[in-house]
C-alpha atoms as a PDB file:
ATOM      1  CA  MET A   1      12.607 -26.752  24.556  1.00  0.00           C
ATOM      2  CA  LEU A   2      12.021 -29.116  21.650  1.00  0.00           C
ATOM      3  CA  ALA A   3       8.311 -28.269  21.703  1.00  0.00           C
ATOM      4  CA  ASP A   4       9.137 -24.562  21.457  1.00  0.00           C
ATOM      5  CA  SER A   5      11.404 -25.207  18.492  1.00  0.00           C
ATOM      6  CA  TYR A   6       8.696 -27.244  16.753  1.00  0.00           C
ATOM      7  CA  GLU A   7       6.109 -24.515  17.392  1.00  0.00           C
ATOM      8  CA  LEU A   8       8.424 -21.847  15.969  1.00  0.00           C
ATOM      9  CA  THR A   9       9.138 -23.963  12.880  1.00  0.00           C
ATOM     10  CA  ASP A  10       5.412 -24.503  12.367  1.00  0.00           C
ATOM     11  CA  ARG A  11       4.659 -20.777  12.712  1.00  0.00           C
ATOM     12  CA  LEU A  12       7.444 -19.868  10.269  1.00  0.00           C
ATOM     13  CA  GLY A  13       6.083 -22.393   7.783  1.00  0.00           C
ATOM     14  CA  SER A  14       2.607 -20.868   8.063  1.00  0.00           C
ATOM     15  CA  PHE A  15       4.036 -17.401   7.544  1.00  0.00           C
ATOM     16  CA  ARG A  16       6.003 -18.576   4.503  1.00  0.00           C
ATOM     17  CA  SER A  17       2.822 -20.028   2.999  1.00  0.00           C
ATOM     18  CA  TYR A  18       1.065 -16.714   3.565  1.00  0.00           C
ATOM     19  CA  VAL A  19       3.894 -14.803   1.859  1.00  0.00           C
ATOM     20  CA  ASP A  20       3.883 -17.224  -1.074  1.00  0.00           C
ATOM     21  CA  ARG A  21       0.159 -16.681  -1.589  1.00  0.00           C
ATOM     22  CA  ARG A  22       0.648 -12.891  -1.563  1.00  0.00           C
ATOM     23  CA  THR A  23       3.460 -12.823  -4.122  1.00  0.00           C
ATOM     24  CA  ASN A  24       3.949 -14.079  -7.633  1.00  0.00           C
ATOM     25  CA  LYS A  25       6.988 -15.953  -8.944  1.00  0.00           C
ATOM     26  CA  GLN A  26       8.982 -12.767  -9.525  1.00  0.00           C
ATOM     27  CA  GLY A  27       8.605 -11.818  -5.861  1.00  0.00           C
ATOM     28  CA  ARG A  28       6.444  -8.813  -6.601  1.00  0.00           C
ATOM     29  CA  LYS A  29       3.211  -8.069  -4.848  1.00  0.00           C
ATOM     30  CA  ALA A  30       0.169  -9.818  -6.192  1.00  0.00           C
ATOM     31  CA  ALA A  31      -1.724  -8.118  -8.989  1.00  0.00           C
ATOM     32  CA  CYS A  32      -4.622  -7.341  -6.655  1.00  0.00           C
ATOM     33  CA  GLU A  33      -2.539  -4.608  -5.017  1.00  0.00           C
ATOM     34  CA  LEU A  34      -3.461  -1.080  -5.964  1.00  0.00           C
ATOM     35  CA  THR A  35      -0.960   0.918  -8.007  1.00  0.00           C
ATOM     36  CA  ILE A  36      -0.975   4.664  -8.185  1.00  0.00           C
ATOM     37  CA  THR A  37       0.182   4.782 -11.819  1.00  0.00           C
ATOM     38  CA  ARG A  38      -3.358   4.617 -13.153  1.00  0.00           C
ATOM     39  CA  PHE A  39      -4.111   7.917 -11.380  1.00  0.00           C
ATOM     40  CA  LEU A  40      -1.127   9.779 -12.844  1.00  0.00           C
ATOM     41  CA  ARG A  41      -1.807  12.330 -15.525  1.00  0.00           C
ATOM     42  CA  ASN A  42       1.380  13.963 -16.814  1.00  0.00           C
ATOM     43  CA  GLU A  43       3.513  13.430 -13.718  1.00  0.00           C
ATOM     44  CA  ALA A  44       6.675  11.322 -13.843  1.00  0.00           C
ATOM     45  CA  PHE A  45       8.243   9.708 -10.788  1.00  0.00           C
ATOM     46  CA  ASP A  46      11.029   7.159 -10.348  1.00  0.00           C
ATOM     47  CA  SER A  47      10.105   3.534  -9.688  1.00  0.00           C
ATOM     48  CA  GLU A  48      11.033   3.571  -5.980  1.00  0.00           C
ATOM     49  CA  LEU A  49       8.860   6.601  -5.339  1.00  0.00           C
ATOM     50  CA  LEU A  50       5.975   5.052  -7.297  1.00  0.00           C
ATOM     51  CA  GLU A  51       6.289   1.917  -5.174  1.00  0.00           C
ATOM     52  CA  ALA A  52       6.159   3.968  -1.956  1.00  0.00           C
ATOM     53  CA  MET A  53       3.175   5.970  -3.228  1.00  0.00           C
ATOM     54  CA  SER A  54       1.314   2.815  -4.286  1.00  0.00           C
ATOM     55  CA  ALA A  55       1.934   1.088  -0.958  1.00  0.00           C
ATOM     56  CA  ALA A  56       0.739   4.173   0.923  1.00  0.00           C
ATOM     57  CA  LEU A  57      -2.371   4.386  -1.253  1.00  0.00           C
ATOM     58  CA  GLY A  58      -3.271   0.760  -0.570  1.00  0.00           C
ATOM     59  CA  GLN A  59      -2.688   1.113   3.175  1.00  0.00           C
ATOM     60  CA  ALA A  60      -4.601   4.387   3.404  1.00  0.00           C
ATOM     61  CA  CYS A  61      -7.566   2.985   1.497  1.00  0.00           C
ATOM     62  CA  ARG A  62      -7.705  -0.071   3.758  1.00  0.00           C
ATOM     63  CA  VAL A  63      -7.512   2.020   6.940  1.00  0.00           C
ATOM     64  CA  LEU A  64     -10.078   4.520   5.672  1.00  0.00           C
ATOM     65  CA  GLY A  65     -12.420   1.739   4.564  1.00  0.00           C
ATOM     66  CA  VAL A  66     -12.338   2.896   0.953  1.00  0.00           C
ATOM     67  CA  SER A  67     -12.951   0.160  -1.571  1.00  0.00           C
ATOM     68  CA  ILE A  68     -10.116  -0.331  -4.005  1.00  0.00           C
ATOM     69  CA  GLY A  69     -11.289  -0.036  -7.572  1.00  0.00           C
ATOM     70  CA  GLU A  70     -13.460   2.347  -9.506  1.00  0.00           C
ATOM     71  CA  ASN A  71     -14.245   4.595  -6.579  1.00  0.00           C
ATOM     72  CA  PRO A  72     -14.153   8.407  -6.533  1.00  0.00           C
ATOM     73  CA  MET A  73     -12.777   8.387  -2.987  1.00  0.00           C
ATOM     74  CA  THR A  74      -9.839   6.213  -4.064  1.00  0.00           C
ATOM     75  CA  GLU A  75      -9.070   8.785  -6.741  1.00  0.00           C
ATOM     76  CA  LEU A  76      -9.165  11.609  -4.178  1.00  0.00           C
ATOM     77  CA  VAL A  77      -6.739   9.769  -1.903  1.00  0.00           C
ATOM     78  CA  ALA A  78      -4.451   9.026  -4.867  1.00  0.00           C
ATOM     79  CA  ASP A  79      -4.541  12.655  -6.001  1.00  0.00           C
ATOM     80  CA  HIS A  80      -3.618  13.784  -2.491  1.00  0.00           C
ATOM     81  CA  ILE A  81      -0.629  11.419  -2.423  1.00  0.00           C
ATOM     82  CA  ILE A  82       0.476  12.571  -5.896  1.00  0.00           C
ATOM     83  CA  GLU A  83       0.265  16.214  -4.821  1.00  0.00           C
ATOM     84  CA  ALA A  84       2.328  15.410  -1.718  1.00  0.00           C
ATOM     85  CA  ALA A  85       5.008  13.830  -3.925  1.00  0.00           C
ATOM     86  CA  LEU A  86       5.026  16.891  -6.164  1.00  0.00           C
ATOM     87  CA  ARG A  87       5.597  19.024  -3.040  1.00  0.00           C
ATOM     88  CA  GLY A  88       8.660  16.938  -2.166  1.00  0.00           C
ATOM     89  CA  MET A  89       7.365  14.192   0.122  1.00  0.00           C
ATOM     90  CA  ARG A  90       9.287  10.937  -0.424  1.00  0.00           C
ATOM     91  CA  THR A  91       8.465   8.223   2.138  1.00  0.00           C
ATOM     92  CA  LYS A  92       5.685   5.669   2.260  1.00  0.00           C
ATOM     93  CA  THR A  93       4.944   6.507   5.879  1.00  0.00           C
ATOM     94  CA  ALA A  94       4.625  10.217   5.165  1.00  0.00           C
ATOM     95  CA  PHE A  95       2.309   9.579   2.188  1.00  0.00           C
ATOM     96  CA  TYR A  96       0.172   7.224   4.263  1.00  0.00           C
ATOM     97  CA  LEU A  97      -0.089   9.532   7.269  1.00  0.00           C
ATOM     98  CA  THR A  98      -0.916  12.636   5.263  1.00  0.00           C
ATOM     99  CA  ALA A  99      -3.683  10.782   3.399  1.00  0.00           C
ATOM    100  CA  VAL A 100      -5.212   9.276   6.541  1.00  0.00           C
ATOM    101  CA  ILE A 101      -5.090  12.571   8.412  1.00  0.00           C
ATOM    102  CA  LYS A 102      -6.631  14.436   5.463  1.00  0.00           C
ATOM    103  CA  PHE A 103      -9.541  12.028   4.891  1.00  0.00           C
ATOM    104  CA  ARG A 104     -10.249  10.327   8.230  1.00  0.00           C
ATOM    105  CA  ASP A 105     -12.852  12.895   9.327  1.00  0.00           C
ATOM    106  CA  CYS A 106     -14.607  12.790   5.947  1.00  0.00           C
ATOM    107  CA  LEU A 107     -15.403   9.098   6.288  1.00  0.00           C
ATOM    108  CA  GLN A 108     -16.637   8.886   9.860  1.00  0.00           C
END
């Protein structure tokens, strides 16, 4: 019982260290995370929606094997997510799934 408690405490400490490395002092995601704002043209979205779109873009790019950075494929995925938001989509999961479904066959 005591060994289990020690193991759990150790695992939680390791997880906390991981989270600390991934966040800055303000608790926001590290700067290495991809944001969709650089792909916006004249569109305006609220901050919560931008956060959901950015998270979906990062997840979709990782799953699709698209390098994050100056990459035409990243821009295509971002444009698809932006268009989905303009059509009324609002959740991170929906943005992510629509992007992966749209581009998964293109990259295999």
